[in-house]
PDB file of N, CA and C in Angstrom:
ATOM      1  N   MET A   1     -26.224 -24.828 -17.907  1.00  0.00           N
ATOM      2  CA  MET A   1     -26.467 -23.618 -17.774  1.00  0.00           C
ATOM      3  C   MET A   1     -25.582 -22.883 -16.712  1.00  0.00           C
ATOM      4  N   GLY A   2     -24.699 -23.664 -15.918  1.00  0.00           N
ATOM      5  CA  GLY A   2     -22.903 -22.967 -14.969  1.00  0.00           C
ATOM      6  C   GLY A   2     -22.386 -22.552 -16.752  1.00  0.00           C
ATOM      7  N   ALA A   3     -23.122 -23.546 -17.708  1.00  0.00           N
ATOM      8  CA  ALA A   3     -21.125 -22.875 -18.474  1.00  0.00           C
ATOM      9  C   ALA A   3     -22.237 -21.870 -19.203  1.00  0.00           C
ATOM     10  N   GLU A   4     -23.308 -21.661 -19.667  1.00  0.00           N
ATOM     11  CA  GLU A   4     -23.572 -20.733 -20.581  1.00  0.00           C
ATOM     12  C   GLU A   4     -23.681 -18.981 -19.450  1.00  0.00           C
ATOM     13  N   ASP A   5     -23.924 -19.423 -17.981  1.00  0.00           N
ATOM     14  CA  ASP A   5     -23.677 -18.073 -17.543  1.00  0.00           C
ATOM     15  C   ASP A   5     -22.284 -17.903 -17.226  1.00  0.00           C
ATOM     16  N   GLU A   6     -21.242 -18.338 -17.908  1.00  0.00           N
ATOM     17  CA  GLU A   6     -19.333 -18.221 -17.837  1.00  0.00           C
ATOM     18  C   GLU A   6     -19.483 -17.459 -19.492  1.00  0.00           C
ATOM     19  N   GLN A   7     -20.218 -17.987 -19.778  1.00  0.00           N
ATOM     20  CA  GLN A   7     -20.140 -17.858 -21.432  1.00  0.00           C
ATOM     21  C   GLN A   7     -20.327 -16.716 -22.000  1.00  0.00           C
ATOM     22  N   LYS A   8     -21.425 -16.343 -21.108  1.00  0.00           N
ATOM     23  CA  LYS A   8     -22.314 -15.269 -21.519  1.00  0.00           C
ATOM     24  C   LYS A   8     -21.042 -14.428 -20.490  1.00  0.00           C
ATOM     25  N   GLY A   9     -20.719 -14.221 -19.777  1.00  0.00           N
ATOM     26  CA  GLY A   9     -19.093 -13.461 -18.540  1.00  0.00           C
ATOM     27  C   GLY A   9     -18.063 -12.822 -19.593  1.00  0.00           C
ATOM     28  N   ASN A  10     -17.819 -14.255 -20.202  1.00  0.00           N
ATOM     29  CA  ASN A  10     -16.382 -13.940 -21.240  1.00  0.00           C
ATOM     30  C   ASN A  10     -16.891 -12.865 -22.258  1.00  0.00           C
ATOM     31  N   GLN A  11     -18.449 -12.734 -22.489  1.00  0.00           N
ATOM     32  CA  GLN A  11     -18.164 -12.009 -24.335  1.00  0.00           C
ATOM     33  C   GLN A  11     -18.304 -10.467 -23.181  1.00  0.00           C
ATOM     34  N   ALA A  12     -19.134 -10.447 -22.413  1.00  0.00           N
ATOM     35  CA  ALA A  12     -19.753  -9.595 -21.632  1.00  0.00           C
ATOM     36  C   ALA A  12     -18.325  -8.689 -22.207  1.00  0.00           C
ATOM     37  N   ASN A  13     -17.256  -9.260 -20.505  1.00  0.00           N
ATOM     38  CA  ASN A  13     -15.692  -8.508 -20.501  1.00  0.00           C
ATOM     39  C   ASN A  13     -14.974  -9.220 -21.871  1.00  0.00           C
ATOM     40  N   ASP A  14     -15.376  -9.306 -22.789  1.00  0.00           N
ATOM     41  CA  ASP A  14     -15.153  -8.653 -24.344  1.00  0.00           C
ATOM     42  C   ASP A  14     -15.136  -7.953 -25.232  1.00  0.00           C
ATOM     43  N   GLN A  15     -16.358  -7.208 -24.753  1.00  0.00           N
ATOM     44  CA  GLN A  15     -17.300  -5.935 -25.884  1.00  0.00           C
ATOM     45  C   GLN A  15     -16.858  -4.597 -24.957  1.00  0.00           C
ATOM     46  N   PRO A  16     -16.114  -3.958 -26.042  1.00  0.00           N
ATOM     47  CA  PRO A  16     -15.536  -2.348 -26.020  1.00  0.00           C
ATOM     48  C   PRO A  16     -16.598  -1.577 -24.113  1.00  0.00           C
ATOM     49  N   ARG A  17     -16.450  -0.978 -23.550  1.00  0.00           N
ATOM     50  CA  ARG A  17     -16.763   0.407 -22.687  1.00  0.00           C
ATOM     51  C   ARG A  17     -17.378   0.897 -24.144  1.00  0.00           C
ATOM     52  N   SER A  18     -18.156   0.990 -23.251  1.00  0.00           N
ATOM     53  CA  SER A  18     -19.503   2.587 -23.975  1.00  0.00           C
ATOM     54  C   SER A  18     -18.786   4.030 -24.207  1.00  0.00           C
ATOM     55  N   HIS A  19     -18.625   4.102 -22.771  1.00  0.00           N
ATOM     56  CA  HIS A  19     -17.667   5.521 -22.543  1.00  0.00           C
ATOM     57  C   HIS A  19     -16.208   5.293 -22.050  1.00  0.00           C
ATOM     58  N   PRO A  20     -15.101   5.100 -22.954  1.00  0.00           N
ATOM     59  CA  PRO A  20     -13.728   4.713 -22.727  1.00  0.00           C
ATOM     60  C   PRO A  20     -13.494   6.463 -22.646  1.00  0.00           C
ATOM     61  N   ILE A  21     -12.798   6.148 -21.425  1.00  0.00           N
ATOM     62  CA  ILE A  21     -11.437   7.372 -21.252  1.00  0.00           C
ATOM     63  C   ILE A  21     -10.959   7.930 -22.145  1.00  0.00           C
ATOM     64  N   THR A  22      -9.976   8.710 -21.748  1.00  0.00           N
ATOM     65  CA  THR A  22      -9.526   9.852 -22.804  1.00  0.00           C
ATOM     66  C   THR A  22      -7.973   9.410 -21.683  1.00  0.00           C
ATOM     67  N   GLU A  23      -7.004   9.732 -22.274  1.00  0.00           N
ATOM     68  CA  GLU A  23      -5.803   9.559 -21.778  1.00  0.00           C
ATOM     69  C   GLU A  23      -4.974  10.662 -21.067  1.00  0.00           C
ATOM     70  N   ALA A  24      -5.961  12.230 -20.572  1.00  0.00           N
ATOM     71  CA  ALA A  24      -6.133  12.662 -19.633  1.00  0.00           C
ATOM     72  C   ALA A  24      -6.761  12.323 -17.992  1.00  0.00           C
ATOM     73  N   GLN A  25      -8.422  11.692 -18.472  1.00  0.00           N
ATOM     74  CA  GLN A  25      -8.906  11.406 -17.453  1.00  0.00           C
ATOM     75  C   GLN A  25      -8.461  10.390 -16.530  1.00  0.00           C
ATOM     76  N   PHE A  26      -7.659   8.940 -17.518  1.00  0.00           N
ATOM     77  CA  PHE A  26      -6.875   8.266 -16.781  1.00  0.00           C
ATOM     78  C   PHE A  26      -5.667   8.939 -15.585  1.00  0.00           C
ATOM     79  N   LEU A  27      -4.556   9.880 -16.501  1.00  0.00           N
ATOM     80  CA  LEU A  27      -3.988   9.772 -15.354  1.00  0.00           C
ATOM     81  C   LEU A  27      -4.167  10.416 -14.475  1.00  0.00           C
ATOM     82  N   ASN A  28      -5.184  11.773 -15.021  1.00  0.00           N
ATOM     83  CA  ASN A  28      -5.474  12.616 -13.535  1.00  0.00           C
ATOM     84  C   ASN A  28      -5.823  10.818 -12.115  1.00  0.00           C
ATOM     85  N   TRP A  29      -6.445  10.163 -13.257  1.00  0.00           N
ATOM     86  CA  TRP A  29      -6.617   9.142 -11.749  1.00  0.00           C
ATOM     87  C   TRP A  29      -6.564   8.542 -11.226  1.00  0.00           C
ATOM     88  N   LYS A  30      -4.785   8.013 -12.008  1.00  0.00           N
ATOM     89  CA  LYS A  30      -3.421   7.813 -11.588  1.00  0.00           C
ATOM     90  C   LYS A  30      -3.135   8.445 -10.222  1.00  0.00           C
ATOM     91  N   ARG A  31      -2.820   9.630 -10.882  1.00  0.00           N
ATOM     92  CA  ARG A  31      -2.276  10.733  -9.794  1.00  0.00           C
ATOM     93  C   ARG A  31      -2.774  10.829  -8.480  1.00  0.00           C
ATOM     94  N   ARG A  32      -4.189  10.916  -8.650  1.00  0.00           N
ATOM     95  CA  ARG A  32      -5.354  11.299  -7.241  1.00  0.00           C
ATOM     96  C   ARG A  32      -5.121   8.957  -5.807  1.00  0.00           C
ATOM     97  N   LYS A  33      -4.995   8.578  -7.188  1.00  0.00           N
ATOM     98  CA  LYS A  33      -4.452   6.925  -6.570  1.00  0.00           C
ATOM     99  C   LYS A  33      -3.352   6.579  -5.763  1.00  0.00           C
ATOM    100  N   ASP A  34      -2.422   7.322  -6.564  1.00  0.00           N
ATOM    101  CA  ASP A  34      -1.071   7.204  -5.675  1.00  0.00           C
ATOM    102  C   ASP A  34      -0.944   8.268  -5.179  1.00  0.00           C
ATOM    103  N   ALA A  35      -1.606   9.690  -5.309  1.00  0.00           N
ATOM    104  CA  ALA A  35      -1.957  10.519  -3.838  1.00  0.00           C
ATOM    105  C   ALA A  35      -2.384  10.013  -2.612  1.00  0.00           C
ATOM    106  N   ASP A  36      -3.385   9.055  -3.291  1.00  0.00           N
ATOM    107  CA  ASP A  36      -3.506   8.730  -1.706  1.00  0.00           C
ATOM    108  C   ASP A  36      -3.493   7.454  -1.280  1.00  0.00           C
ATOM    109  N   ALA A  37      -2.340   6.435  -1.000  1.00  0.00           N
ATOM    110  CA  ALA A  37      -2.007   5.644  -1.279  1.00  0.00           C
ATOM    111  C   ALA A  37      -0.299   6.663  -0.631  1.00  0.00           C
ATOM    112  N   SER A  38       0.076   7.764  -1.245  1.00  0.00           N
ATOM    113  CA  SER A  38       1.112   8.491  -0.388  1.00  0.00           C
ATOM    114  C   SER A  38       0.516   8.674   1.011  1.00  0.00           C
ATOM    115  N   ALA A  39      -0.592   8.839   0.881  1.00  0.00           N
ATOM    116  CA  ALA A  39      -1.200   9.851   1.852  1.00  0.00           C
ATOM    117  C   ALA A  39      -1.455   9.097   3.398  1.00  0.00           C
ATOM    118  N   ARG A  40      -1.961   7.922   2.741  1.00  0.00           N
ATOM    119  CA  ARG A  40      -2.086   6.219   3.602  1.00  0.00           C
ATOM    120  C   ARG A  40      -0.701   6.427   4.389  1.00  0.00           C
ATOM    121  N   ASN A  41       0.410   5.783   3.083  1.00  0.00           N
ATOM    122  CA  ASN A  41       1.216   4.887   3.520  1.00  0.00           C
ATOM    123  C   ASN A  41       2.396   6.740   4.318  1.00  0.00           C
ATOM    124  N   ALA A  42       2.000   7.612   4.085  1.00  0.00           N
ATOM    125  CA  ALA A  42       2.998   8.493   5.336  1.00  0.00           C
ATOM    126  C   ALA A  42       1.945   8.816   7.215  1.00  0.00           C
ATOM    127  N   GLU A  43       0.884   8.358   6.689  1.00  0.00           N
ATOM    128  CA  GLU A  43       0.203   8.221   8.278  1.00  0.00           C
ATOM    129  C   GLU A  43       0.178   7.348   8.543  1.00  0.00           C
ATOM    130  N   ALA A  44       0.250   5.909   8.152  1.00  0.00           N
ATOM    131  CA  ALA A  44       0.913   4.625   9.051  1.00  0.00           C
ATOM    132  C   ALA A  44       2.810   4.746   9.937  1.00  0.00           C
ATOM    133  N   ALA A  45       3.272   5.364   8.656  1.00  0.00           N
ATOM    134  CA  ALA A  45       4.517   5.619   9.225  1.00  0.00           C
ATOM    135  C   ALA A  45       4.222   6.568  10.265  1.00  0.00           C
ATOM    136  N   ARG A  46       3.906   7.518  10.079  1.00  0.00           N
ATOM    137  CA  ARG A  46       3.304   8.674  11.274  1.00  0.00           C
ATOM    138  C   ARG A  46       2.971   8.040  13.091  1.00  0.00           C
ATOM    139  N   LYS A  47       2.086   7.306  12.252  1.00  0.00           N
ATOM    140  CA  LYS A  47       1.526   6.647  13.753  1.00  0.00           C
ATOM    141  C   LYS A  47       2.563   5.194  14.065  1.00  0.00           C
ATOM    142  N   ARG A  48       3.516   4.780  13.618  1.00  0.00           N
ATOM    143  CA  ARG A  48       4.173   3.644  13.729  1.00  0.00           C
ATOM    144  C   ARG A  48       5.145   3.977  14.805  1.00  0.00           C
ATOM    145  N   ALA A  49       5.774   5.195  14.211  1.00  0.00           N
ATOM    146  CA  ALA A  49       6.610   6.225  15.424  1.00  0.00           C
ATOM    147  C   ALA A  49       5.732   6.820  16.346  1.00  0.00           C
ATOM    148  N   GLU A  50       4.955   7.087  16.277  1.00  0.00           N
ATOM    149  CA  GLU A  50       4.116   7.393  17.576  1.00  0.00           C
ATOM    150  C   GLU A  50       4.674   6.234  18.856  1.00  0.00           C
ATOM    151  N   ASP A  51       3.649   4.901  18.065  1.00  0.00           N
ATOM    152  CA  ASP A  51       3.998   4.223  18.727  1.00  0.00           C
ATOM    153  C   ASP A  51       5.074   3.761  18.491  1.00  0.00           C
ATOM    154  N   ILE A  52       5.835   3.510  18.152  1.00  0.00           N
ATOM    155  CA  ILE A  52       7.154   3.163  19.074  1.00  0.00           C
ATOM    156  C   ILE A  52       7.793   3.547  20.173  1.00  0.00           C
ATOM    157  N   ALA A  53       7.361   4.822  19.848  1.00  0.00           N
ATOM    158  CA  ALA A  53       8.376   5.973  20.852  1.00  0.00           C
ATOM    159  C   ALA A  53       6.914   6.063  22.381  1.00  0.00           C
ATOM    160  N   SER A  54       6.756   5.846  21.849  1.00  0.00           N
ATOM    161  CA  SER A  54       5.564   5.550  23.816  1.00  0.00           C
ATOM    162  C   SER A  54       5.895   3.827  24.055  1.00  0.00           C
ATOM    163  N   GLY A  55       6.196   3.675  23.212  1.00  0.00           N
ATOM    164  CA  GLY A  55       6.317   2.417  23.347  1.00  0.00           C
ATOM    165  C   GLY A  55       5.414   1.189  23.439  1.00  0.00           C
ATOM    166  N   THR A  56       4.609   1.105  22.824  1.00  0.00           N
ATOM    167  CA  THR A  56       2.879   0.008  22.874  1.00  0.00           C
ATOM    168  C   THR A  56       3.455  -0.974  21.019  1.00  0.00           C
ATOM    169  N   VAL A  57       4.096  -0.468  20.700  1.00  0.00           N
ATOM    170  CA  VAL A  57       4.705  -2.196  19.840  1.00  0.00           C
ATOM    171  C   VAL A  57       6.096  -2.169  19.859  1.00  0.00           C
ATOM    172  N   GLN A  58       6.342  -3.259  19.320  1.00  0.00           N
ATOM    173  CA  GLN A  58       7.612  -3.829  19.455  1.00  0.00           C
ATOM    174  C   GLN A  58       8.338  -3.571  17.842  1.00  0.00           C
ATOM    175  N   MET A  59       9.488  -2.957  18.155  1.00  0.00           N
ATOM    176  CA  MET A  59      10.558  -3.005  17.439  1.00  0.00           C
ATOM    177  C   MET A  59      10.850  -4.106  16.585  1.00  0.00           C
ATOM    178  N   ASN A  60      11.049  -3.272  14.988  1.00  0.00           N
ATOM    179  CA  ASN A  60      11.244  -5.111  14.283  1.00  0.00           C
ATOM    180  C   ASN A  60      12.821  -3.985  14.057  1.00  0.00           C
ATOM    181  N   GLY A  61      13.872  -5.272  13.746  1.00  0.00           N
ATOM    182  CA  GLY A  61      15.484  -5.478  14.098  1.00  0.00           C
ATOM    183  C   GLY A  61      16.424  -3.528  13.178  1.00  0.00           C
ATOM    184  N   ARG A  62      15.000  -3.719  12.197  1.00  0.00           N
ATOM    185  CA  ARG A  62      15.959  -2.458  11.472  1.00  0.00           C
ATOM    186  C   ARG A  62      16.097  -0.838  12.348  1.00  0.00           C
ATOM    187  N   GLU A  63      14.285  -1.112  12.945  1.00  0.00           N
ATOM    188  CA  GLU A  63      14.286   0.165  14.232  1.00  0.00           C
ATOM    189  C   GLU A  63      14.450   0.303  14.427  1.00  0.00           C
ATOM    190  N   LEU A  64      15.119  -1.351  15.728  1.00  0.00           N
ATOM    191  CA  LEU A  64      15.552  -1.625  16.962  1.00  0.00           C
ATOM    192  C   LEU A  64      17.117  -0.418  16.679  1.00  0.00           C
ATOM    193  N   PHE A  65      18.210  -0.697  15.274  1.00  0.00           N
ATOM    194  CA  PHE A  65      19.049  -0.634  15.280  1.00  0.00           C
ATOM    195  C   PHE A  65      19.654   0.997  15.378  1.00  0.00           C
ATOM    196  N   LEU A  66      18.010   1.392  14.602  1.00  0.00           N
ATOM    197  CA  LEU A  66      18.383   3.337  14.906  1.00  0.00           C
ATOM    198  C   LEU A  66      17.741   3.749  16.018  1.00  0.00           C
ATOM    199  N   HIS A  67      17.121   3.417  16.836  1.00  0.00           N
ATOM    200  CA  HIS A  67      16.803   3.694  17.793  1.00  0.00           C
ATOM    201  C   HIS A  67      17.620   3.093  19.281  1.00  0.00           C
ATOM    202  N   GLU A  68      17.541   2.203  19.764  1.00  0.00           N
ATOM    203  CA  GLU A  68      18.883   1.901  20.844  1.00  0.00           C
ATOM    204  C   GLU A  68      20.606   1.076  19.471  1.00  0.00           C
ATOM    205  N   PRO A  69      20.991   1.259  19.065  1.00  0.00           N
ATOM    206  CA  PRO A  69      21.737   0.742  19.038  1.00  0.00           C
ATOM    207  C   PRO A  69      22.805  -0.236  19.264  1.00  0.00           C
ATOM    208  N   TRP A  70      23.342   0.155  20.564  1.00  0.00           N
ATOM    209  CA  TRP A  70      23.680   0.035  21.548  1.00  0.00           C
ATOM    210  C   TRP A  70      23.248  -1.807  21.723  1.00  0.00           C
ATOM    211  N   VAL A  71      21.970  -2.226  21.396  1.00  0.00           N
ATOM    212  CA  VAL A  71      22.278  -3.206  21.226  1.00  0.00           C
ATOM    213  C   VAL A  71      23.256  -4.470  20.388  1.00  0.00           C
ATOM    214  N   PHE A  72      23.648  -3.858  19.501  1.00  0.00           N
ATOM    215  CA  PHE A  72      23.873  -4.878  18.642  1.00  0.00           C
ATOM    216  C   PHE A  72      24.760  -4.317  18.395  1.00  0.00           C
ATOM    217  N   ASP A  73      25.749  -3.582  19.820  1.00  0.00           N
ATOM    218  CA  ASP A  73      27.171  -3.437  19.751  1.00  0.00           C
ATOM    219  C   ASP A  73      28.287  -4.369  20.544  1.00  0.00           C
ATOM    220  N   ASN A  74      28.639  -5.163  19.958  1.00  0.00           N
ATOM    221  CA  ASN A  74      29.317  -6.520  20.919  1.00  0.00           C
ATOM    222  C   ASN A  74      31.061  -6.023  20.807  1.00  0.00           C
ATOM    223  N   SER A  75      31.463  -4.720  21.544  1.00  0.00           N
ATOM    224  CA  SER A  75      32.359  -4.533  22.184  1.00  0.00           C
ATOM    225  C   SER A  75      32.219  -4.104  23.168  1.00  0.00           C
ATOM    226  N   GLN A  76      31.032  -3.921  24.331  1.00  0.00           N
ATOM    227  CA  GLN A  76      30.895  -4.156  25.879  1.00  0.00           C
ATOM    228  C   GLN A  76      30.600  -5.134  26.380  1.00  0.00           C
ATOM    229  N   TYR A  77      30.764  -6.633  25.676  1.00  0.00           N
ATOM    230  CA  TYR A  77      31.547  -7.810  25.875  1.00  0.00           C
ATOM    231  C   TYR A  77      32.891  -8.493  25.969  1.00  0.00           C
TER     232      TYR A  77
END
């Protein structure tokens, strides 16, 4: 019975869609998807910057070098 279900599932995937999308529809969807991803990334970066400024999260090495370069200055010792 499991093999029959799997075979039916494979046949369903092989059949083309009944309503194919046009290139313009795809490009519109892709543009919206990219814009949403960009907005999410920008919001995450903004929140991370606020958290670093308030001192609620630890900085990684790159952020530490940008905000406190004296940590990496070996000439002081």
